[in-house]
C-alpha atoms as a PDB file:
ATOM      1  CA  MET A   1     136.908  13.709-125.940  1.00  0.00           C
ATOM      2  CA  ALA A   2     135.436  13.577-129.121  1.00  0.00           C
ATOM      3  CA  GLY A   3     132.066  11.954-127.418  1.00  0.00           C
ATOM      4  CA  ALA A   4     132.503  15.469-125.022  1.00  0.00           C
ATOM      5  CA  LEU A   5     132.463  18.127-128.308  1.00  0.00           C
ATOM      6  CA  LEU A   6     130.083  15.697-129.760  1.00  0.00           C
ATOM      7  CA  CYS A   7     127.451  16.358-127.062  1.00  0.00           C
ATOM      8  CA  LEU A   8     128.502  19.753-126.271  1.00  0.00           C
ATOM      9  CA  GLY A   9     128.078  21.046-129.947  1.00  0.00           C
ATOM     10  CA  VAL A  10     124.928  19.380-130.426  1.00  0.00           C
ATOM     11  CA  HIS A  11     123.380  20.893-126.648  1.00  0.00           C
ATOM     12  CA  ALA A  12     125.153  24.052-127.872  1.00  0.00           C
ATOM     13  CA  GLN A  13     123.692  24.198-131.314  1.00  0.00           C
ATOM     14  CA  GLY A  14     120.631  22.005-131.311  1.00  0.00           C
ATOM     15  CA  TRP A  15     121.600  20.437-134.684  1.00  0.00           C
ATOM     16  CA  ILE A  16     119.748  17.209-135.695  1.00  0.00           C
ATOM     17  CA  PRO A  17     122.389  15.278-137.997  1.00  0.00           C
ATOM     18  CA  GLU A  18     122.187  14.370-141.426  1.00  0.00           C
ATOM     19  CA  LEU A  19     121.300  10.219-141.690  1.00  0.00           C
ATOM     20  CA  SER A  20     122.161   8.571-144.600  1.00  0.00           C
ATOM     21  CA  THR A  21     123.152   5.375-145.797  1.00  0.00           C
ATOM     22  CA  SER A  22     125.690   4.524-148.917  1.00  0.00           C
ATOM     23  CA  THR A  23     126.396   1.039-150.820  1.00  0.00           C
ATOM     24  CA  THR A  24     129.064   0.487-153.497  1.00  0.00           C
ATOM     25  CA  THR A  25     129.644  -2.876-154.663  1.00  0.00           C
ATOM     26  CA  ASN A  26     132.052  -3.622-157.568  1.00  0.00           C
ATOM     27  CA  PHE A  27     131.935  -6.811-159.580  1.00  0.00           C
ATOM     28  CA  SER A  28     134.768  -7.946-161.305  1.00  0.00           C
ATOM     29  CA  TYR A  29     135.078 -11.246-163.755  1.00  0.00           C
ATOM     30  CA  SER A  30     138.700 -12.024-164.418  1.00  0.00           C
ATOM     31  CA  GLY A  31     138.135 -14.968-166.736  1.00  0.00           C
ATOM     32  CA  GLU A  32     137.721 -17.496-163.858  1.00  0.00           C
ATOM     33  CA  LYS A  33     135.348 -15.923-161.383  1.00  0.00           C
ATOM     34  CA  ILE A  34     133.287 -13.102-160.144  1.00  0.00           C
ATOM     35  CA  THR A  35     134.813 -11.522-157.334  1.00  0.00           C
ATOM     36  CA  ASN A  36     132.916  -8.185-155.268  1.00  0.00           C
ATOM     37  CA  PHE A  37     134.044  -5.601-153.092  1.00  0.00           C
ATOM     38  CA  THR A  38     131.491  -3.730-151.163  1.00  0.00           C
ATOM     39  CA  LEU A  39     131.592  -0.829-148.642  1.00  0.00           C
ATOM     40  CA  SER A  40     127.939  -0.118-147.063  1.00  0.00           C
ATOM     41  CA  SER A  41     127.821   2.426-144.362  1.00  0.00           C
ATOM     42  CA  MET A  42     124.812   3.973-142.288  1.00  0.00           C
ATOM     43  CA  ASP A  43     125.713   7.607-141.116  1.00  0.00           C
ATOM     44  CA  ALA A  44     125.076  10.589-139.070  1.00  0.00           C
ATOM     45  CA  ASP A  45     126.800  13.903-140.091  1.00  0.00           C
ATOM     46  CA  TRP A  46     126.664  17.163-138.069  1.00  0.00           C
ATOM     47  CA  ARG A  47     127.602  19.436-140.978  1.00  0.00           C
ATOM     48  CA  ASN A  48     128.789  23.071-140.879  1.00  0.00           C
ATOM     49  CA  ARG A  49     129.761  25.198-143.317  1.00  0.00           C
ATOM     50  CA  GLY A  50     130.570  27.990-141.024  1.00  0.00           C
ATOM     51  CA  ASN A  51     132.244  28.233-137.653  1.00  0.00           C
ATOM     52  CA  GLY A  52     131.427  25.635-134.617  1.00  0.00           C
ATOM     53  CA  PHE A  53     130.941  21.973-134.261  1.00  0.00           C
ATOM     54  CA  SER A  54     130.713  19.469-136.858  1.00  0.00           C
ATOM     55  CA  GLY A  55     130.846  15.827-136.196  1.00  0.00           C
ATOM     56  CA  GLN A  56     130.457  12.349-137.923  1.00  0.00           C
ATOM     57  CA  ILE A  57     129.568   8.844-136.900  1.00  0.00           C
ATOM     58  CA  SER A  58     129.936   6.427-139.637  1.00  0.00           C
ATOM     59  CA  PHE A  59     129.861   2.548-139.355  1.00  0.00           C
ATOM     60  CA  ASP A  60     130.218   0.061-142.226  1.00  0.00           C
ATOM     61  CA  VAL A  61     128.298  -2.808-141.928  1.00  0.00           C
ATOM     62  CA  VAL A  62     130.042  -5.294-143.954  1.00  0.00           C
ATOM     63  CA  MET A  63     133.588  -4.930-142.311  1.00  0.00           C
ATOM     64  CA  LYS A  64     131.216  -3.912-139.038  1.00  0.00           C
ATOM     65  CA  GLN A  65     133.951  -1.168-138.450  1.00  0.00           C
ATOM     66  CA  PHE A  66     133.845   2.429-137.408  1.00  0.00           C
ATOM     67  CA  MET A  67     134.822   4.091-140.667  1.00  0.00           C
ATOM     68  CA  GLY A  68     134.307   7.886-138.934  1.00  0.00           C
ATOM     69  CA  LEU A  69     133.781   8.469-135.047  1.00  0.00           C
ATOM     70  CA  ASN A  70     134.919  12.064-134.533  1.00  0.00           C
ATOM     71  CA  ALA A  71     133.805  15.620-133.806  1.00  0.00           C
ATOM     72  CA  ALA A  72     135.313  19.188-134.688  1.00  0.00           C
ATOM     73  CA  TRP A  73     135.222  22.584-134.150  1.00  0.00           C
ATOM     74  CA  ARG A  74     135.997  25.298-136.363  1.00  0.00           C
ATOM     75  CA  PHE A  75     137.313  28.287-134.617  1.00  0.00           C
ATOM     76  CA  ALA A  76     137.575  30.257-137.858  1.00  0.00           C
ATOM     77  CA  PRO A  77     138.042  29.635-141.578  1.00  0.00           C
ATOM     78  CA  TRP A  78     141.823  29.137-141.056  1.00  0.00           C
ATOM     79  CA  ILE A  79     141.405  26.352-138.126  1.00  0.00           C
ATOM     80  CA  GLN A  80     139.567  23.525-137.258  1.00  0.00           C
ATOM     81  CA  LEU A  81     140.490  21.032-134.790  1.00  0.00           C
ATOM     82  CA  LYS A  82     138.982  17.339-135.184  1.00  0.00           C
ATOM     83  CA  VAL A  83     139.505  14.449-132.620  1.00  0.00           C
ATOM     84  CA  GLY A  84     138.689  10.748-133.180  1.00  0.00           C
ATOM     85  CA  GLU A  85     138.736   8.020-135.885  1.00  0.00           C
ATOM     86  CA  GLN A  86     139.321   9.769-138.998  1.00  0.00           C
ATOM     87  CA  LYS A  87     140.781   9.659-142.446  1.00  0.00           C
ATOM     88  CA  HIS A  88     144.565  10.487-142.156  1.00  0.00           C
ATOM     89  CA  MET A  89     145.003  12.843-145.163  1.00  0.00           C
ATOM     90  CA  TYR A  90     148.559  12.782-147.122  1.00  0.00           C
ATOM     91  CA  LEU A  91     147.069  11.472-150.575  1.00  0.00           C
ATOM     92  CA  ASN A  92     144.527  13.528-152.026  1.00  0.00           C
ATOM     93  CA  GLU A  93     143.511  11.083-154.219  1.00  0.00           C
ATOM     94  CA  LEU A  94     141.431   9.680-150.592  1.00  0.00           C
ATOM     95  CA  SER A  95     139.719  12.902-150.583  1.00  0.00           C
ATOM     96  CA  THR A  96     137.286  11.616-153.394  1.00  0.00           C
ATOM     97  CA  SER A  97     134.631   8.871-152.478  1.00  0.00           C
ATOM     98  CA  PRO A  98     134.908   5.545-153.985  1.00  0.00           C
ATOM     99  CA  ARG A  99     131.017   5.993-154.499  1.00  0.00           C
ATOM    100  CA  THR A 100     131.970   9.223-156.739  1.00  0.00           C
ATOM    101  CA  LEU A 101     135.364   8.512-157.897  1.00  0.00           C
ATOM    102  CA  GLU A 102     135.521   8.616-162.179  1.00  0.00           C
ATOM    103  CA  VAL A 103     136.422   4.969-162.325  1.00  0.00           C
ATOM    104  CA  CYS A 104     136.515   1.489-160.340  1.00  0.00           C
ATOM    105  CA  GLY A 105     138.617   1.648-157.321  1.00  0.00           C
ATOM    106  CA  TYR A 106     141.602   3.807-155.994  1.00  0.00           C
ATOM    107  CA  SER A 107     144.875   3.715-157.785  1.00  0.00           C
ATOM    108  CA  LEU A 108     147.446   1.124-157.082  1.00  0.00           C
ATOM    109  CA  GLY A 109     149.369   3.366-155.218  1.00  0.00           C
ATOM    110  CA  THR A 110     147.071   4.485-153.023  1.00  0.00           C
ATOM    111  CA  SER A 111     145.791   0.662-152.407  1.00  0.00           C
ATOM    112  CA  TYR A 112     149.525  -0.134-151.242  1.00  0.00           C
ATOM    113  CA  LEU A 113     150.833   3.057-150.026  1.00  0.00           C
ATOM    114  CA  GLY A 114     147.682   4.566-148.359  1.00  0.00           C
ATOM    115  CA  GLY A 115     146.481   2.416-145.868  1.00  0.00           C
ATOM    116  CA  TYR A 116     143.213   1.375-147.719  1.00  0.00           C
ATOM    117  CA  THR A 117     142.822  -2.150-148.908  1.00  0.00           C
ATOM    118  CA  LYS A 118     146.285  -3.522-149.298  1.00  0.00           C
ATOM    119  CA  ASP A 119     149.055  -1.674-147.612  1.00  0.00           C
ATOM    120  CA  LEU A 120     152.379  -3.339-148.030  1.00  0.00           C
ATOM    121  CA  CYS A 121     152.741  -2.818-143.780  1.00  0.00           C
ATOM    122  CA  GLY A 122     149.563  -4.831-143.436  1.00  0.00           C
ATOM    123  CA  LEU A 123     147.156  -2.042-141.878  1.00  0.00           C
ATOM    124  CA  ASN A 124     144.491  -2.135-144.087  1.00  0.00           C
ATOM    125  CA  THR A 125     141.910   0.041-142.858  1.00  0.00           C
ATOM    126  CA  ARG A 126     140.116   2.137-145.434  1.00  0.00           C
ATOM    127  CA  ALA A 127     143.340   4.909-144.648  1.00  0.00           C
ATOM    128  CA  ARG A 128     141.378   5.439-141.020  1.00  0.00           C
ATOM    129  CA  ASP A 129     143.035   5.672-137.731  1.00  0.00           C
ATOM    130  CA  TRP A 130     142.635   7.348-134.296  1.00  0.00           C
ATOM    131  CA  GLY A 131     144.047  10.825-133.732  1.00  0.00           C
ATOM    132  CA  ILE A 132     143.909  14.590-134.002  1.00  0.00           C
ATOM    133  CA  THR A 133     144.107  17.113-136.835  1.00  0.00           C
ATOM    134  CA  ALA A 134     144.253  20.218-137.712  1.00  0.00           C
ATOM    135  CA  SER A 135     142.978  21.842-140.938  1.00  0.00           C
ATOM    136  CA  GLY A 136     141.921  25.197-142.344  1.00  0.00           C
ATOM    137  CA  ASP A 137     141.800  27.514-145.539  1.00  0.00           C
ATOM    138  CA  LEU A 138     144.242  30.466-146.261  1.00  0.00           C
ATOM    139  CA  PHE A 139     144.299  33.650-148.693  1.00  0.00           C
ATOM    140  CA  LYS A 140     140.850  34.326-149.906  1.00  0.00           C
ATOM    141  CA  LYS A 141     140.412  35.344-153.361  1.00  0.00           C
ATOM    142  CA  GLY A 142     136.718  35.905-154.367  1.00  0.00           C
ATOM    143  CA  ASP A 143     134.766  32.947-153.759  1.00  0.00           C
ATOM    144  CA  ARG A 144     138.075  30.447-153.283  1.00  0.00           C
ATOM    145  CA  TYR A 145     140.928  30.019-150.762  1.00  0.00           C
ATOM    146  CA  LEU A 146     144.289  29.567-152.395  1.00  0.00           C
ATOM    147  CA  LEU A 147     145.984  27.636-149.798  1.00  0.00           C
ATOM    148  CA  SER A 148     144.333  24.606-147.714  1.00  0.00           C
ATOM    149  CA  TYR A 149     146.013  22.552-145.091  1.00  0.00           C
ATOM    150  CA  ASN A 150     145.683  19.256-142.877  1.00  0.00           C
ATOM    151  CA  LEU A 151     147.871  18.264-140.056  1.00  0.00           C
ATOM    152  CA  GLY A 152     147.470  15.120-138.374  1.00  0.00           C
ATOM    153  CA  LEU A 153     148.681  13.414-135.138  1.00  0.00           C
ATOM    154  CA  PHE A 154     147.536   9.435-135.488  1.00  0.00           C
ATOM    155  CA  ASN A 155     147.901   6.318-133.180  1.00  0.00           C
ATOM    156  CA  GLY A 156     148.936   4.599-136.355  1.00  0.00           C
ATOM    157  CA  ASN A 157     146.944   1.546-135.138  1.00  0.00           C
ATOM    158  CA  GLY A 158     144.373   1.908-137.928  1.00  0.00           C
ATOM    159  CA  PHE A 159     140.777   0.743-136.312  1.00  0.00           C
ATOM    160  CA  SER A 160     142.104  -0.189-132.696  1.00  0.00           C
ATOM    161  CA  ILE A 161     142.079   2.787-130.268  1.00  0.00           C
ATOM    162  CA  LYS A 162     144.328   0.491-128.225  1.00  0.00           C
ATOM    163  CA  ASP A 163     147.976   1.781-129.057  1.00  0.00           C
ATOM    164  CA  ASP A 164     150.480  -0.925-129.187  1.00  0.00           C
ATOM    165  CA  ASN A 165     153.877   1.174-129.552  1.00  0.00           C
ATOM    166  CA  GLU A 166     154.796   4.470-128.184  1.00  0.00           C
ATOM    167  CA  ALA A 167     155.384   5.604-131.995  1.00  0.00           C
ATOM    168  CA  LYS A 168     153.100   8.216-133.575  1.00  0.00           C
ATOM    169  CA  ASN A 169     152.446   8.708-137.473  1.00  0.00           C
ATOM    170  CA  LEU A 170     152.214  12.783-138.242  1.00  0.00           C
ATOM    171  CA  THR A 171     150.745  13.302-142.240  1.00  0.00           C
ATOM    172  CA  GLY A 172     150.243  16.444-143.666  1.00  0.00           C
ATOM    173  CA  LEU A 173     148.633  17.520-146.723  1.00  0.00           C
ATOM    174  CA  LEU A 174     149.269  20.960-148.883  1.00  0.00           C
ATOM    175  CA  LEU A 175     146.771  22.100-151.713  1.00  0.00           C
ATOM    176  CA  ALA A 176     147.431  25.251-153.477  1.00  0.00           C
ATOM    177  CA  ARG A 177     144.452  26.580-156.099  1.00  0.00           C
ATOM    178  CA  PRO A 178     146.131  28.960-158.589  1.00  0.00           C
ATOM    179  CA  THR A 179     143.041  29.180-160.243  1.00  0.00           C
ATOM    180  CA  SER A 180     139.253  27.742-159.861  1.00  0.00           C
ATOM    181  CA  THR A 181     139.731  24.645-161.980  1.00  0.00           C
ATOM    182  CA  LEU A 182     143.633  23.736-160.772  1.00  0.00           C
ATOM    183  CA  THR A 183     144.808  22.236-157.828  1.00  0.00           C
ATOM    184  CA  LEU A 184     148.257  21.078-156.793  1.00  0.00           C
ATOM    185  CA  SER A 185     148.862  18.706-154.068  1.00  0.00           C
ATOM    186  CA  LEU A 186     151.767  17.538-151.307  1.00  0.00           C
ATOM    187  CA  GLY A 187     151.521  15.193-148.621  1.00  0.00           C
ATOM    188  CA  GLY A 188     153.609  13.285-146.814  1.00  0.00           C
ATOM    189  CA  MET A 189     153.682  10.964-143.696  1.00  0.00           C
ATOM    190  CA  LEU A 190     156.035   9.851-140.721  1.00  0.00           C
ATOM    191  CA  GLY A 191     155.334   6.999-139.120  1.00  0.00           C
ATOM    192  CA  LYS A 192     156.158   3.588-137.688  1.00  0.00           C
ATOM    193  CA  TYR A 193     154.301   0.562-137.564  1.00  0.00           C
ATOM    194  CA  THR A 194     154.757  -2.851-135.361  1.00  0.00           C
ATOM    195  CA  VAL A 195     156.390  -5.656-137.151  1.00  0.00           C
ATOM    196  CA  THR A 196     156.261  -9.362-136.023  1.00  0.00           C
ATOM    197  CA  GLY A 197     158.663 -11.941-137.477  1.00  0.00           C
ATOM    198  CA  THR A 198     157.932 -15.416-137.719  1.00  0.00           C
ATOM    199  CA  ASP A 199     159.874 -16.075-134.490  1.00  0.00           C
ATOM    200  CA  GLY A 200     157.629 -13.742-132.781  1.00  0.00           C
ATOM    201  CA  ALA A 201     160.315 -10.962-132.585  1.00  0.00           C
ATOM    202  CA  SER A 202     158.890  -7.423-132.978  1.00  0.00           C
ATOM    203  CA  HIS A 203     160.330  -3.980-133.936  1.00  0.00           C
ATOM    204  CA  LEU A 204     159.408  -0.984-135.221  1.00  0.00           C
ATOM    205  CA  GLY A 205     159.373  -0.606-139.140  1.00  0.00           C
ATOM    206  CA  SER A 206     159.097   2.254-141.026  1.00  0.00           C
ATOM    207  CA  ARG A 207     155.975   3.822-142.606  1.00  0.00           C
ATOM    208  CA  ASN A 208     156.904   7.190-144.107  1.00  0.00           C
ATOM    209  CA  ARG A 209     154.948   8.584-147.744  1.00  0.00           C
ATOM    210  CA  ALA A 210     155.173  11.425-149.714  1.00  0.00           C
ATOM    211  CA  SER A 211     152.944  12.272-152.490  1.00  0.00           C
ATOM    212  CA  ALA A 212     152.699  15.232-155.208  1.00  0.00           C
ATOM    213  CA  GLY A 213     149.658  15.436-157.771  1.00  0.00           C
ATOM    214  CA  VAL A 214     147.858  17.646-160.055  1.00  0.00           C
ATOM    215  CA  TRP A 215     144.229  18.003-160.424  1.00  0.00           C
ATOM    216  CA  PHE A 216     142.216  20.022-163.175  1.00  0.00           C
ATOM    217  CA  SER A 217     138.697  20.011-163.495  1.00  0.00           C
ATOM    218  CA  ASN A 218     136.467  22.677-165.478  1.00  0.00           C
ATOM    219  CA  GLY A 219     132.985  20.501-165.139  1.00  0.00           C
ATOM    220  CA  THR A 220     133.325  18.948-168.322  1.00  0.00           C
ATOM    221  CA  LEU A 221     136.831  17.627-168.597  1.00  0.00           C
ATOM    222  CA  ILE A 222     138.928  15.811-165.996  1.00  0.00           C
ATOM    223  CA  LEU A 223     142.670  15.849-165.473  1.00  0.00           C
ATOM    224  CA  LYS A 224     144.436  13.721-162.486  1.00  0.00           C
ATOM    225  CA  SER A 225     147.458  12.668-161.519  1.00  0.00           C
ATOM    226  CA  GLU A 226     149.533  11.498-158.155  1.00  0.00           C
ATOM    227  CA  CYS A 227     152.621  10.226-157.512  1.00  0.00           C
ATOM    228  CA  VAL A 228     153.447   8.683-154.026  1.00  0.00           C
ATOM    229  CA  TRP A 229     156.526   6.916-152.894  1.00  0.00           C
ATOM    230  CA  GLY A 230     156.635   4.828-149.523  1.00  0.00           C
ATOM    231  CA  ASP A 231     159.270   2.910-147.379  1.00  0.00           C
ATOM    232  CA  THR A 232     157.780   0.194-145.414  1.00  0.00           C
ATOM    233  CA  ASP A 233     160.426  -0.890-143.114  1.00  0.00           C
ATOM    234  CA  GLY A 234     163.552  -0.124-145.932  1.00  0.00           C
ATOM    235  CA  MET A 235     161.581  -1.277-148.721  1.00  0.00           C
ATOM    236  CA  GLN A 236     161.353   1.539-151.299  1.00  0.00           C
ATOM    237  CA  SER A 237     158.102   1.513-153.172  1.00  0.00           C
ATOM    238  CA  VAL A 238     156.849   4.379-156.041  1.00  0.00           C
ATOM    239  CA  GLY A 239     153.538   4.687-157.748  1.00  0.00           C
ATOM    240  CA  ALA A 240     151.883   7.012-160.262  1.00  0.00           C
ATOM    241  CA  PHE A 241     148.437   7.505-162.265  1.00  0.00           C
ATOM    242  CA  LEU A 242     147.279   9.471-164.686  1.00  0.00           C
ATOM    243  CA  LEU A 243     143.447  10.000-165.099  1.00  0.00           C
ATOM    244  CA  ALA A 244     141.650  12.189-168.041  1.00  0.00           C
ATOM    245  CA  GLY A 245     137.508  12.268-168.086  1.00  0.00           C
ATOM    246  CA  TRP A 246     135.120  13.934-170.324  1.00  0.00           C
ATOM    247  CA  TRP A 247     131.365  14.395-169.187  1.00  0.00           C
ATOM    248  CA  PHE A 248     130.190  14.381-172.590  1.00  0.00           C
ATOM    249  CA  ARG A 249     126.248  14.538-171.188  1.00  0.00           C
ATOM    250  CA  PRO A 250     125.372  16.292-167.618  1.00  0.00           C
ATOM    251  CA  ASN A 251     124.968  12.978-166.380  1.00  0.00           C
ATOM    252  CA  MET A 252     127.526  10.760-168.580  1.00  0.00           C
ATOM    253  CA  ALA A 253     131.364  10.439-168.216  1.00  0.00           C
ATOM    254  CA  LEU A 254     133.817   8.939-170.134  1.00  0.00           C
ATOM    255  CA  SER A 255     137.166   8.254-168.366  1.00  0.00           C
ATOM    256  CA  VAL A 256     140.771   6.461-168.634  1.00  0.00           C
ATOM    257  CA  ARG A 257     143.519   5.155-166.428  1.00  0.00           C
ATOM    258  CA  GLY A 258     147.062   4.733-166.672  1.00  0.00           C
ATOM    259  CA  ASP A 259     148.409   2.916-163.522  1.00  0.00           C
ATOM    260  CA  SER A 260     151.896   1.639-162.403  1.00  0.00           C
ATOM    261  CA  PHE A 261     153.208   0.677-159.338  1.00  0.00           C
ATOM    262  CA  LEU A 262     156.729  -0.592-158.428  1.00  0.00           C
ATOM    263  CA  LYS A 263     156.490  -2.195-155.373  1.00  0.00           C
ATOM    264  CA  ASP A 264     160.414  -2.464-154.542  1.00  0.00           C
ATOM    265  CA  LEU A 265     162.944  -0.370-156.323  1.00  0.00           C
ATOM    266  CA  ASP A 266     165.490  -2.498-155.964  1.00  0.00           C
ATOM    267  CA  ILE A 267     163.014  -5.216-158.144  1.00  0.00           C
ATOM    268  CA  SER A 268     161.927  -4.447-161.170  1.00  0.00           C
ATOM    269  CA  SER A 269     159.623  -7.166-162.062  1.00  0.00           C
ATOM    270  CA  SER A 270     157.746  -6.310-158.747  1.00  0.00           C
ATOM    271  CA  ARG A 271     156.006  -3.680-161.061  1.00  0.00           C
ATOM    272  CA  ILE A 272     152.562  -4.042-161.964  1.00  0.00           C
ATOM    273  CA  SER A 273     150.830  -1.448-164.229  1.00  0.00           C
ATOM    274  CA  LYS A 274     146.999  -0.834-165.331  1.00  0.00           C
ATOM    275  CA  THR A 275     144.992   0.751-168.062  1.00  0.00           C
ATOM    276  CA  GLU A 276     141.570   1.239-167.884  1.00  0.00           C
ATOM    277  CA  ILE A 277     138.637   2.633-169.583  1.00  0.00           C
ATOM    278  CA  CYS A 278     135.395   3.167-167.450  1.00  0.00           C
ATOM    279  CA  LEU A 279     131.857   4.788-168.217  1.00  0.00           C
ATOM    280  CA  THR A 280     129.547   6.574-165.661  1.00  0.00           C
ATOM    281  CA  HIS A 281     125.761   7.121-165.540  1.00  0.00           C
ATOM    282  CA  THR A 282     124.405   8.886-162.541  1.00  0.00           C
ATOM    283  CA  LEU A 283     120.729   8.503-162.481  1.00  0.00           C
ATOM    284  CA  GLY A 284     119.513  11.461-160.327  1.00  0.00           C
ATOM    285  CA  PRO A 285     121.281  12.144-156.564  1.00  0.00           C
ATOM    286  CA  VAL A 286     120.968   8.131-155.465  1.00  0.00           C
ATOM    287  CA  PHE A 287     121.965   5.658-157.831  1.00  0.00           C
ATOM    288  CA  ARG A 288     124.796   6.121-160.301  1.00  0.00           C
ATOM    289  CA  TYR A 289     126.502   2.853-161.787  1.00  0.00           C
ATOM    290  CA  ARG A 290     130.084   2.544-163.526  1.00  0.00           C
ATOM    291  CA  ILE A 291     131.121  -0.183-166.620  1.00  0.00           C
ATOM    292  CA  GLN A 292     134.839  -0.718-166.742  1.00  0.00           C
ATOM    293  CA  TYR A 293     137.527  -2.513-168.763  1.00  0.00           C
ATOM    294  CA  GLY A 294     140.795  -2.737-167.575  1.00  0.00           C
ATOM    295  CA  HIS A 295     144.426  -4.890-168.250  1.00  0.00           C
ATOM    296  CA  THR A 296     146.851  -5.496-165.695  1.00  0.00           C
ATOM    297  CA  PHE A 297     150.599  -5.981-166.793  1.00  0.00           C
ATOM    298  CA  ASN A 298     152.747  -7.650-164.200  1.00  0.00           C
ATOM    299  CA  ALA A 299     156.349  -7.003-164.840  1.00  0.00           C
ATOM    300  CA  ASP A 300     157.373 -10.541-163.394  1.00  0.00           C
ATOM    301  CA  PRO A 301     157.069 -13.333-165.765  1.00  0.00           C
ATOM    302  CA  SER A 302     156.002 -16.017-164.032  1.00  0.00           C
ATOM    303  CA  VAL A 303     152.532 -13.815-163.645  1.00  0.00           C
ATOM    304  CA  LYS A 304     150.048 -13.623-166.389  1.00  0.00           C
ATOM    305  CA  ASP A 305     148.420 -10.530-167.174  1.00  0.00           C
ATOM    306  CA  VAL A 306     144.958 -10.234-166.854  1.00  0.00           C
ATOM    307  CA  ASN A 307     141.676  -8.601-168.233  1.00  0.00           C
ATOM    308  CA  THR A 308     139.299  -7.388-165.939  1.00  0.00           C
ATOM    309  CA  LEU A 309     135.521  -6.413-166.393  1.00  0.00           C
ATOM    310  CA  THR A 310     133.841  -4.735-163.456  1.00  0.00           C
ATOM    311  CA  VAL A 311     130.567  -3.236-163.079  1.00  0.00           C
ATOM    312  CA  ALA A 312     130.271  -1.178-160.317  1.00  0.00           C
ATOM    313  CA  ILE A 313     126.867   0.181-158.400  1.00  0.00           C
ATOM    314  CA  SER A 314     126.426   3.170-156.111  1.00  0.00           C
ATOM    315  CA  MET A 315     123.392   4.318-154.155  1.00  0.00           C
ATOM    316  CA  LYS A 316     123.108   6.954-151.335  1.00  0.00           C
ATOM    317  CA  PHE A 317     119.632   7.384-149.442  1.00  0.00           C
ATOM    318  CA  SER A 318     119.511  10.829-147.008  1.00  0.00           C
ATOM    319  CA  ASP A 319     116.832  11.983-144.687  1.00  0.00           C
ATOM    320  CA  LYS A 320     117.167  15.142-146.484  1.00  0.00           C
ATOM    321  CA  MET A 321     115.869  13.689-149.736  1.00  0.00           C
ATOM    322  CA  LEU A 322     112.735  12.977-148.066  1.00  0.00           C
ATOM    323  CA  LYS A 323     112.120  16.618-146.830  1.00  0.00           C
ATOM    324  CA  LYS A 324     111.966  18.222-150.290  1.00  0.00           C
END
């Protein structure tokens, strides 16, 4: 269905996609060795700010997986349908790309409960899944909409198109913009996933999530905070972060983040907390780098605290840059 919409849209509107490639690499040193985490994708995007067709093909050359393979049709500002592999949106932090994030890496809550890299259910697919979403903007005031929504129905198997159970995941994200600088978010997911025990027996485990956030930005000052709760096969978890940033020059920013995650509400020693400070420097539309220092506090006395120095390098090239 996504492929048919893609072909129909290209034929009907004669669009040539924007071709781009982007790479983000984080080099981290924690006193013993240097580790790195790299995102590198080749993308084709059919963008449309108005009604009609849009689509995306995104392939990660490191993971050798599609990060996006979808097609969408906007019937009106208040309704767009998208089919295919896409981000499941129930955490507003995921709407910001790791390449343009004000710090190095997503928060602990997003990592452990957002299906990104360390999800407690084991599905670590950078928040991607196969499904269909309905989204739109409501109640326009001046140049902005006061409400935006995203509702999704997903297989719940991440990168895999084949579904190994009959359960589906329902997701939702609601954004309210009372002013031009302030956004309030509320999201959630009702889901299931297949849990296989050591004896080979399997059952459907719960994968439920709920989030709430506050987001402020006036172009110079940034304040972000989001809380997320999760139920993963009966284990209750909760995480929260607070990020404050200042673009003291048009191309340079300083940000600090406090971040905490309690893996199991019944075990206080399962808490992990982080404090981080990050300098961001953008060099034109192509290149940016970030230098970050962070300290990780482990409530478990058997796990020592860790100091981490991270350098992140991000680049993006687009064929539109060549046309200018």
